[in-house]
C-alpha atoms as a PDB file:
ATOM      1  CA  MET A   1     -29.348   3.577 -22.795  1.00  0.00           C
ATOM      2  CA  THR A   2     -29.471  -0.220 -22.753  1.00  0.00           C
ATOM      3  CA  SER A   3     -31.067  -2.369 -20.097  1.00  0.00           C
ATOM      4  CA  ALA A   4     -27.753  -3.854 -18.990  1.00  0.00           C
ATOM      5  CA  ALA A   5     -27.214  -4.737 -15.356  1.00  0.00           C
ATOM      6  CA  PRO A   6     -26.649  -1.689 -13.165  1.00  0.00           C
ATOM      7  CA  LEU A   7     -23.154  -0.808 -12.066  1.00  0.00           C
ATOM      8  CA  GLN A   8     -22.216  -2.025  -8.626  1.00  0.00           C
ATOM      9  CA  PRO A   9     -20.895   0.632  -6.266  1.00  0.00           C
ATOM     10  CA  VAL A  10     -17.214   0.479  -5.457  1.00  0.00           C
ATOM     11  CA  LYS A  11     -16.624  -0.575  -1.874  1.00  0.00           C
ATOM     12  CA  ALA A  12     -15.101   2.190   0.205  1.00  0.00           C
ATOM     13  CA  GLY A  13     -11.419   1.614   0.716  1.00  0.00           C
ATOM     14  CA  SER A  14     -11.265  -1.382  -1.591  1.00  0.00           C
ATOM     15  CA  LEU A  15      -8.553   0.072  -3.805  1.00  0.00           C
ATOM     16  CA  SER A  16      -6.384   1.160  -0.873  1.00  0.00           C
ATOM     17  CA  ARG A  17      -6.911  -2.308   0.632  1.00  0.00           C
ATOM     18  CA  GLN A  18      -5.664  -3.903  -2.595  1.00  0.00           C
ATOM     19  CA  VAL A  19      -2.599  -1.658  -2.529  1.00  0.00           C
ATOM     20  CA  PHE A  20      -2.098  -2.495   1.165  1.00  0.00           C
ATOM     21  CA  GLU A  21      -2.188  -6.220   0.376  1.00  0.00           C
ATOM     22  CA  ALA A  22       0.172  -5.819  -2.609  1.00  0.00           C
ATOM     23  CA  LEU A  23       2.714  -3.861  -0.560  1.00  0.00           C
ATOM     24  CA  ARG A  24       2.438  -6.183   2.437  1.00  0.00           C
ATOM     25  CA  THR A  25       3.012  -9.191   0.192  1.00  0.00           C
ATOM     26  CA  ALA A  26       5.985  -7.478  -1.439  1.00  0.00           C
ATOM     27  CA  ILE A  27       7.514  -6.690   1.958  1.00  0.00           C
ATOM     28  CA  PHE A  28       7.177 -10.275   3.181  1.00  0.00           C
ATOM     29  CA  ALA A  29       8.496 -11.589  -0.145  1.00  0.00           C
ATOM     30  CA  GLY A  30      11.658  -9.526   0.311  1.00  0.00           C
ATOM     31  CA  ARG A  31      10.957  -7.066  -2.508  1.00  0.00           C
ATOM     32  CA  PHE A  32      11.783  -4.252  -0.073  1.00  0.00           C
ATOM     33  CA  SER A  33      14.607  -4.478   2.426  1.00  0.00           C
ATOM     34  CA  PRO A  34      14.642  -2.900   5.873  1.00  0.00           C
ATOM     35  CA  GLY A  35      15.613   0.728   5.423  1.00  0.00           C
ATOM     36  CA  ASP A  36      14.404   0.941   1.800  1.00  0.00           C
ATOM     37  CA  SER A  37      12.440   4.096   1.129  1.00  0.00           C
ATOM     38  CA  LEU A  38       8.826   3.539   0.124  1.00  0.00           C
ATOM     39  CA  ARG A  39       8.074   6.649  -1.922  1.00  0.00           C
ATOM     40  CA  GLU A  40       4.434   7.349  -2.652  1.00  0.00           C
ATOM     41  CA  LEU A  41       5.155   8.757  -6.099  1.00  0.00           C
ATOM     42  CA  TYR A  42       7.038   5.708  -7.347  1.00  0.00           C
ATOM     43  CA  LEU A  43       4.694   3.192  -5.730  1.00  0.00           C
ATOM     44  CA  ALA A  44       1.675   4.998  -7.198  1.00  0.00           C
ATOM     45  CA  ARG A  45       3.248   4.953 -10.649  1.00  0.00           C
ATOM     46  CA  ASP A  46       4.204   1.268 -10.392  1.00  0.00           C
ATOM     47  CA  LEU A  47       0.764   0.236  -9.104  1.00  0.00           C
ATOM     48  CA  ASN A  48      -1.123   2.613 -11.437  1.00  0.00           C
ATOM     49  CA  VAL A  49      -3.036   4.257  -8.595  1.00  0.00           C
ATOM     50  CA  SER A  50      -3.083   7.729  -7.056  1.00  0.00           C
ATOM     51  CA  GLN A  51      -0.613   8.861  -4.425  1.00  0.00           C
ATOM     52  CA  ALA A  52      -3.552   9.327  -2.043  1.00  0.00           C
ATOM     53  CA  THR A  53      -4.405   5.647  -2.406  1.00  0.00           C
ATOM     54  CA  VAL A  54      -0.793   4.669  -1.710  1.00  0.00           C
ATOM     55  CA  ARG A  55      -0.720   7.057   1.258  1.00  0.00           C
ATOM     56  CA  GLU A  56      -3.788   5.335   2.743  1.00  0.00           C
ATOM     57  CA  ALA A  57      -2.220   1.900   2.241  1.00  0.00           C
ATOM     58  CA  LEU A  58       1.082   3.013   3.785  1.00  0.00           C
ATOM     59  CA  ALA A  59      -0.772   4.431   6.785  1.00  0.00           C
ATOM     60  CA  GLN A  60      -2.459   1.052   7.273  1.00  0.00           C
ATOM     61  CA  LEU A  61       0.898  -0.724   6.952  1.00  0.00           C
ATOM     62  CA  GLU A  62       2.316   1.621   9.588  1.00  0.00           C
ATOM     63  CA  GLN A  63      -0.584   0.761  11.889  1.00  0.00           C
ATOM     64  CA  ASP A  64       0.353  -2.884  11.389  1.00  0.00           C
ATOM     65  CA  GLY A  65       3.971  -2.034  12.236  1.00  0.00           C
ATOM     66  CA  LEU A  66       5.556  -2.729   8.854  1.00  0.00           C
ATOM     67  CA  PRO A  67       7.097   0.455   7.439  1.00  0.00           C
ATOM     68  CA  GLU A  68       8.724   2.766   9.931  1.00  0.00           C
ATOM     69  CA  ALA A  69       8.348   6.518   9.560  1.00  0.00           C
ATOM     70  CA  ALA A  70      11.402   8.158   8.047  1.00  0.00           C
ATOM     71  CA  THR A  71      12.405  11.779   7.633  1.00  0.00           C
ATOM     72  CA  ARG A  72      11.555  11.755   3.919  1.00  0.00           C
ATOM     73  CA  GLY A  73       9.198   9.072   2.712  1.00  0.00           C
ATOM     74  CA  ARG A  74       8.784   5.890   4.672  1.00  0.00           C
ATOM     75  CA  ALA A  75      11.342   3.226   5.404  1.00  0.00           C
ATOM     76  CA  CYS A  76      10.447  -0.406   5.123  1.00  0.00           C
ATOM     77  CA  GLY A  77      10.526  -2.345   8.382  1.00  0.00           C
ATOM     78  CA  SER A  78      11.630  -5.924   8.710  1.00  0.00           C
ATOM     79  CA  PRO A  79       8.687  -8.342   8.538  1.00  0.00           C
ATOM     80  CA  THR A  80      10.523 -10.718  10.858  1.00  0.00           C
ATOM     81  CA  THR A  81      10.752  -8.162  13.648  1.00  0.00           C
ATOM     82  CA  THR A  82       7.632  -6.076  13.093  1.00  0.00           C
ATOM     83  CA  GLY A  83       4.108  -6.571  11.919  1.00  0.00           C
ATOM     84  CA  ARG A  84       1.880  -9.569  12.407  1.00  0.00           C
END
């Protein structure tokens, strides 16, 4: 083994926070319209992360009032009427 600098631990939640920020930005940029389904599988594939990571980010977005719960998947809320 070489004497290279030690690896820095990954901050807990940092990846889900990055996904949260990416999705929030996309919502406010109009990438998703109100009523669009935000499917974990497709978002995970597009962002190259696990569905669990996307699920955590979507839960945080819901806490912030952005996507509204839907029967199947999640529906995108309007950033002009919900959220911060």
